[in-house]
């Protein structure tokens, strides 16, 4: 199988939570690119399914006083299971994202 990545991936480990139908398992990013992200989450996600999640970016990472949350709409393109760790690796293509102000929740995110 060939690797068809179109942009460079950066090894960034940031906390996240999955929103929507999947519940709200906590996880973290493994790497991020301009078009996608690889996540470690507490449950399996179906290949081809839509995923909504928030990535918490600390202020020191972006050179700001306060951190921000990035809410992403994505599509699951690969799933890996790690039975020893009880978690799943999920590769997603980011289709849309929104930067949330400090203190703004996903529920209040302009819907």
N, C-alpha and C. Protein backbone atom coordinates (compact mmCIF):
# COMPACT_ATOMS: atom_id res chain seq x y z
N UNK A 1 0.84 -1.17 0.00
CA UNK A 1 0.00 0.00 0.00
C UNK A 1 0.90 1.24 0.00
N UNK A 2 0.65 2.17 -0.87
CA UNK A 2 1.47 3.37 -0.93
C UNK A 2 0.89 4.47 -0.06
N UNK A 3 1.74 5.37 0.38
CA UNK A 3 1.35 6.49 1.22
C UNK A 3 0.98 7.65 0.30
N UNK A 4 -0.27 8.15 0.41
CA UNK A 4 -0.72 9.20 -0.50
C UNK A 4 -0.88 10.55 0.20
N UNK A 5 -0.14 10.78 1.25
CA UNK A 5 -0.21 12.05 1.96
C UNK A 5 0.17 13.19 1.03
N UNK A 6 -0.54 14.28 1.17
CA UNK A 6 -0.27 15.42 0.30
C UNK A 6 0.43 16.56 1.02
N UNK A 7 0.55 16.48 2.34
CA UNK A 7 1.24 17.53 3.07
C UNK A 7 2.01 16.95 4.25
N UNK A 8 2.99 17.69 4.69
CA UNK A 8 3.86 17.25 5.77
C UNK A 8 3.09 17.11 7.08
N UNK A 9 3.37 16.07 7.82
CA UNK A 9 2.75 15.84 9.12
C UNK A 9 3.72 16.27 10.22
N UNK A 10 3.15 16.90 11.25
CA UNK A 10 3.94 17.36 12.38
C UNK A 10 3.54 16.57 13.63
N UNK A 11 4.53 16.02 14.35
CA UNK A 11 4.21 15.24 15.55
C UNK A 11 3.80 16.16 16.70
N UNK A 12 2.51 16.39 16.83
CA UNK A 12 1.98 17.30 17.85
C UNK A 12 1.02 16.50 18.72
N UNK A 13 1.29 16.46 20.01
CA UNK A 13 0.47 15.68 20.95
C UNK A 13 -0.36 16.64 21.79
N UNK A 14 -1.63 16.82 21.38
CA UNK A 14 -2.52 17.75 22.05
C UNK A 14 -3.78 17.02 22.53
N UNK A 15 -4.33 17.42 23.68
CA UNK A 15 -5.55 16.79 24.16
C UNK A 15 -6.74 17.13 23.27
N UNK A 16 -7.70 16.21 23.22
CA UNK A 16 -8.90 16.44 22.42
C UNK A 16 -10.06 15.70 23.02
N UNK A 17 -11.26 16.06 22.57
CA UNK A 17 -12.45 15.27 22.90
C UNK A 17 -13.30 15.14 21.65
N UNK A 18 -13.89 13.96 21.51
CA UNK A 18 -14.75 13.68 20.37
C UNK A 18 -16.17 14.06 20.75
N UNK A 19 -16.85 14.76 19.84
CA UNK A 19 -18.21 15.24 20.08
C UNK A 19 -19.21 14.46 19.25
N UNK A 20 -20.47 14.75 19.40
CA UNK A 20 -21.50 14.18 18.55
C UNK A 20 -21.90 12.78 18.95
N UNK A 21 -22.30 11.99 17.97
CA UNK A 21 -22.84 10.65 18.19
C UNK A 21 -21.88 9.71 18.89
N UNK A 22 -20.59 9.91 18.70
CA UNK A 22 -19.61 9.00 19.28
C UNK A 22 -19.48 9.17 20.79
N UNK A 23 -20.21 10.08 21.40
CA UNK A 23 -20.05 10.36 22.81
C UNK A 23 -18.96 11.39 22.98
N UNK A 24 -18.27 11.35 24.08
CA UNK A 24 -17.22 12.34 24.31
C UNK A 24 -15.96 11.69 24.87
N UNK A 25 -15.41 10.68 24.17
CA UNK A 25 -14.18 10.10 24.68
C UNK A 25 -13.03 11.08 24.59
N UNK A 26 -12.17 11.01 25.56
CA UNK A 26 -10.99 11.86 25.58
C UNK A 26 -9.89 11.16 24.82
N UNK A 27 -9.05 11.93 24.16
CA UNK A 27 -7.93 11.36 23.43
C UNK A 27 -6.86 12.39 23.24
N UNK A 28 -5.99 12.13 22.27
CA UNK A 28 -4.95 13.10 21.94
C UNK A 28 -4.53 12.94 20.50
N UNK A 29 -3.98 14.01 19.95
CA UNK A 29 -3.47 13.94 18.59
C UNK A 29 -2.11 13.25 18.60
N UNK A 30 -1.80 12.57 17.54
CA UNK A 30 -0.48 11.97 17.34
C UNK A 30 0.32 12.82 16.37
N UNK A 31 -0.36 13.26 15.30
CA UNK A 31 0.26 14.17 14.34
C UNK A 31 -0.82 14.93 13.60
N UNK A 32 -0.42 16.08 13.05
CA UNK A 32 -1.35 16.97 12.35
C UNK A 32 -0.68 17.45 11.07
N UNK A 33 -1.49 17.57 10.01
CA UNK A 33 -1.03 18.19 8.77
C UNK A 33 -2.04 19.24 8.38
N UNK A 34 -1.81 19.89 7.27
CA UNK A 34 -2.74 20.92 6.79
C UNK A 34 -4.10 20.32 6.44
N UNK A 35 -4.15 19.04 6.09
CA UNK A 35 -5.40 18.45 5.63
C UNK A 35 -5.95 17.36 6.54
N UNK A 36 -5.17 16.92 7.52
CA UNK A 36 -5.64 15.80 8.31
C UNK A 36 -4.99 15.71 9.67
N UNK A 37 -5.43 14.70 10.41
CA UNK A 37 -4.94 14.50 11.77
C UNK A 37 -5.03 13.01 12.09
N UNK A 38 -4.09 12.54 12.90
CA UNK A 38 -4.14 11.18 13.41
C UNK A 38 -4.38 11.28 14.90
N UNK A 39 -5.43 10.59 15.38
CA UNK A 39 -5.88 10.69 16.76
C UNK A 39 -5.76 9.36 17.47
N UNK A 40 -5.54 9.41 18.78
CA UNK A 40 -5.71 8.25 19.64
C UNK A 40 -6.93 8.54 20.49
N UNK A 41 -7.96 7.68 20.41
CA UNK A 41 -9.19 7.88 21.17
C UNK A 41 -9.56 6.61 21.93
N UNK A 42 -10.49 6.77 22.88
CA UNK A 42 -10.87 5.68 23.78
C UNK A 42 -11.84 4.67 23.18
N UNK A 43 -12.30 4.89 21.96
CA UNK A 43 -13.24 3.94 21.36
C UNK A 43 -12.99 3.85 19.86
N UNK A 44 -13.55 2.81 19.24
CA UNK A 44 -13.41 2.65 17.80
C UNK A 44 -14.34 3.62 17.07
N UNK A 45 -13.94 4.02 15.88
CA UNK A 45 -14.77 4.87 15.03
C UNK A 45 -14.86 4.18 13.68
N UNK A 46 -16.03 4.22 13.08
CA UNK A 46 -16.27 3.50 11.82
C UNK A 46 -15.58 4.17 10.64
N UNK A 47 -14.96 3.36 9.81
CA UNK A 47 -14.33 3.83 8.59
C UNK A 47 -15.37 4.53 7.72
N UNK A 48 -15.06 5.72 7.23
CA UNK A 48 -15.97 6.49 6.39
C UNK A 48 -16.95 7.35 7.15
N UNK A 49 -16.99 7.20 8.48
CA UNK A 49 -17.94 7.98 9.26
C UNK A 49 -17.45 9.42 9.43
N UNK A 50 -18.40 10.28 9.78
CA UNK A 50 -18.06 11.66 10.10
C UNK A 50 -17.62 11.72 11.56
N UNK A 51 -16.70 12.61 11.84
CA UNK A 51 -16.23 12.79 13.21
C UNK A 51 -16.18 14.28 13.50
N UNK A 52 -16.60 14.64 14.69
CA UNK A 52 -16.48 16.02 15.14
C UNK A 52 -15.68 15.99 16.43
N UNK A 53 -14.65 16.80 16.51
CA UNK A 53 -13.83 16.80 17.71
C UNK A 53 -13.25 18.18 17.94
N UNK A 54 -12.84 18.41 19.19
CA UNK A 54 -12.18 19.64 19.57
C UNK A 54 -10.76 19.32 20.00
N UNK A 55 -9.81 20.08 19.46
CA UNK A 55 -8.42 19.97 19.85
C UNK A 55 -8.10 21.18 20.71
N UNK A 56 -7.58 20.95 21.91
CA UNK A 56 -7.22 22.04 22.79
C UNK A 56 -5.76 22.43 22.56
N UNK A 57 -5.54 23.66 22.15
CA UNK A 57 -4.18 24.12 21.84
C UNK A 57 -3.75 25.10 22.95
N UNK A 58 -2.76 24.72 23.76
CA UNK A 58 -2.31 25.60 24.84
C UNK A 58 -1.71 26.91 24.30
N UNK A 59 -1.88 27.97 25.06
CA UNK A 59 -1.38 29.29 24.66
C UNK A 59 0.10 29.28 24.34
N UNK A 60 0.90 28.57 25.14
CA UNK A 60 2.36 28.58 24.91
C UNK A 60 2.75 27.95 23.58
N UNK A 61 1.91 27.06 23.05
CA UNK A 61 2.19 26.44 21.76
C UNK A 61 2.04 27.44 20.62
N UNK A 62 1.08 28.36 20.76
CA UNK A 62 0.82 29.33 19.69
C UNK A 62 1.32 30.73 20.03
N UNK A 63 2.03 30.86 21.17
CA UNK A 63 2.59 32.15 21.55
C UNK A 63 1.55 33.15 22.02
N UNK A 64 0.50 32.67 22.69
CA UNK A 64 -0.56 33.54 23.18
C UNK A 64 -0.74 33.36 24.68
N UNK A 65 -1.40 34.32 25.30
CA UNK A 65 -1.67 34.22 26.74
C UNK A 65 -2.65 33.10 27.05
N UNK A 66 -3.69 32.99 26.22
CA UNK A 66 -4.71 31.97 26.43
C UNK A 66 -4.66 30.92 25.32
N UNK A 67 -5.07 29.72 25.67
CA UNK A 67 -5.17 28.67 24.68
C UNK A 67 -6.44 28.84 23.85
N UNK A 68 -6.54 28.07 22.79
CA UNK A 68 -7.74 28.07 21.95
C UNK A 68 -8.18 26.64 21.70
N UNK A 69 -9.43 26.52 21.28
CA UNK A 69 -9.93 25.23 20.87
C UNK A 69 -10.24 25.28 19.39
N UNK A 70 -9.87 24.24 18.71
CA UNK A 70 -10.12 24.09 17.29
C UNK A 70 -11.19 23.01 17.15
N UNK A 71 -12.38 23.38 16.66
CA UNK A 71 -13.43 22.39 16.44
C UNK A 71 -13.35 21.94 14.99
N UNK A 72 -13.22 20.64 14.79
CA UNK A 72 -13.03 20.09 13.44
C UNK A 72 -14.16 19.16 13.05
N UNK A 73 -14.56 19.26 11.79
CA UNK A 73 -15.45 18.29 11.15
C UNK A 73 -14.54 17.48 10.24
N UNK A 74 -14.57 16.17 10.39
CA UNK A 74 -13.63 15.33 9.64
C UNK A 74 -14.32 14.05 9.18
N UNK A 75 -13.60 13.33 8.33
CA UNK A 75 -14.05 12.02 7.83
C UNK A 75 -12.97 11.01 8.17
N UNK A 76 -13.39 9.88 8.75
CA UNK A 76 -12.46 8.82 9.15
C UNK A 76 -12.03 8.04 7.91
N UNK A 77 -10.71 7.99 7.68
CA UNK A 77 -10.19 7.30 6.50
C UNK A 77 -9.38 6.05 6.85
N UNK A 78 -9.02 5.90 8.12
CA UNK A 78 -8.30 4.69 8.55
C UNK A 78 -8.47 4.52 10.05
N UNK A 79 -8.58 3.26 10.48
CA UNK A 79 -8.70 2.94 11.90
C UNK A 79 -7.70 1.85 12.25
N UNK A 80 -7.00 2.05 13.35
CA UNK A 80 -6.06 1.06 13.88
C UNK A 80 -6.46 0.79 15.32
N UNK A 81 -6.45 -0.47 15.74
CA UNK A 81 -6.79 -0.80 17.11
C UNK A 81 -5.54 -1.21 17.86
N UNK A 82 -5.40 -0.71 19.08
CA UNK A 82 -4.29 -1.07 19.95
C UNK A 82 -4.88 -1.77 21.18
N UNK A 83 -5.08 -3.11 21.09
CA UNK A 83 -5.76 -3.82 22.18
C UNK A 83 -5.02 -3.74 23.52
N UNK A 84 -3.69 -3.67 23.48
CA UNK A 84 -2.93 -3.58 24.73
C UNK A 84 -3.23 -2.29 25.47
N UNK A 85 -3.42 -1.21 24.73
CA UNK A 85 -3.67 0.09 25.33
C UNK A 85 -5.16 0.38 25.49
N UNK A 86 -6.02 -0.41 24.85
CA UNK A 86 -7.46 -0.20 24.92
C UNK A 86 -7.90 1.08 24.24
N UNK A 87 -7.25 1.42 23.15
CA UNK A 87 -7.61 2.63 22.42
C UNK A 87 -7.48 2.38 20.92
N UNK A 88 -7.96 3.34 20.14
CA UNK A 88 -7.92 3.23 18.69
C UNK A 88 -7.16 4.39 18.09
N UNK A 89 -6.40 4.10 17.04
CA UNK A 89 -5.77 5.14 16.24
C UNK A 89 -6.68 5.44 15.07
N UNK A 90 -6.96 6.72 14.85
CA UNK A 90 -7.92 7.10 13.82
C UNK A 90 -7.31 8.19 12.94
N UNK A 91 -7.20 7.91 11.63
CA UNK A 91 -6.73 8.90 10.67
C UNK A 91 -7.95 9.59 10.08
N UNK A 92 -7.93 10.92 10.09
CA UNK A 92 -9.07 11.70 9.60
C UNK A 92 -8.62 12.75 8.60
N UNK A 93 -9.45 12.97 7.60
CA UNK A 93 -9.29 14.10 6.69
C UNK A 93 -10.15 15.22 7.25
N UNK A 94 -9.55 16.37 7.50
CA UNK A 94 -10.30 17.50 8.03
C UNK A 94 -11.03 18.18 6.87
N UNK A 95 -12.36 18.25 6.99
CA UNK A 95 -13.18 18.85 5.95
C UNK A 95 -13.55 20.29 6.26
N UNK A 96 -13.59 20.63 7.56
CA UNK A 96 -13.96 21.98 7.98
C UNK A 96 -13.47 22.17 9.41
N UNK A 97 -13.12 23.41 9.77
CA UNK A 97 -12.74 23.67 11.15
C UNK A 97 -13.17 25.07 11.55
N UNK A 98 -13.25 25.28 12.87
CA UNK A 98 -13.64 26.56 13.44
C UNK A 98 -12.78 26.80 14.67
N UNK A 99 -12.29 28.01 14.84
CA UNK A 99 -11.52 28.37 16.03
C UNK A 99 -12.51 28.94 17.04
N UNK A 100 -12.53 28.34 18.24
CA UNK A 100 -13.45 28.79 19.28
C UNK A 100 -12.73 29.73 20.24
N UNK A 101 -13.42 30.77 20.65
CA UNK A 101 -12.87 31.71 21.63
C UNK A 101 -12.70 31.01 22.97
N UNK A 102 -11.84 31.57 23.82
CA UNK A 102 -11.66 31.05 25.16
C UNK A 102 -13.00 31.04 25.87
N UNK A 103 -13.34 29.93 26.51
CA UNK A 103 -14.59 29.82 27.24
C UNK A 103 -15.79 29.46 26.40
N UNK A 104 -15.68 29.44 25.07
CA UNK A 104 -16.81 29.11 24.20
C UNK A 104 -16.87 27.59 24.06
N UNK A 105 -18.02 27.02 24.33
CA UNK A 105 -18.16 25.57 24.23
C UNK A 105 -18.64 25.19 22.83
N UNK A 106 -18.54 23.91 22.54
CA UNK A 106 -19.00 23.44 21.24
C UNK A 106 -20.50 23.66 21.09
N UNK A 107 -21.22 23.52 22.19
CA UNK A 107 -22.67 23.70 22.14
C UNK A 107 -23.02 25.15 21.80
N UNK A 108 -22.16 26.10 22.20
CA UNK A 108 -22.43 27.51 21.97
C UNK A 108 -21.66 28.04 20.77
N UNK A 109 -21.12 27.15 19.95
CA UNK A 109 -20.23 27.52 18.87
C UNK A 109 -20.90 28.10 17.65
N UNK A 110 -21.84 29.00 17.83
CA UNK A 110 -22.42 29.69 16.69
C UNK A 110 -23.50 28.90 15.99
N UNK A 111 -24.00 27.86 16.62
CA UNK A 111 -25.05 27.04 16.00
C UNK A 111 -26.38 27.73 16.16
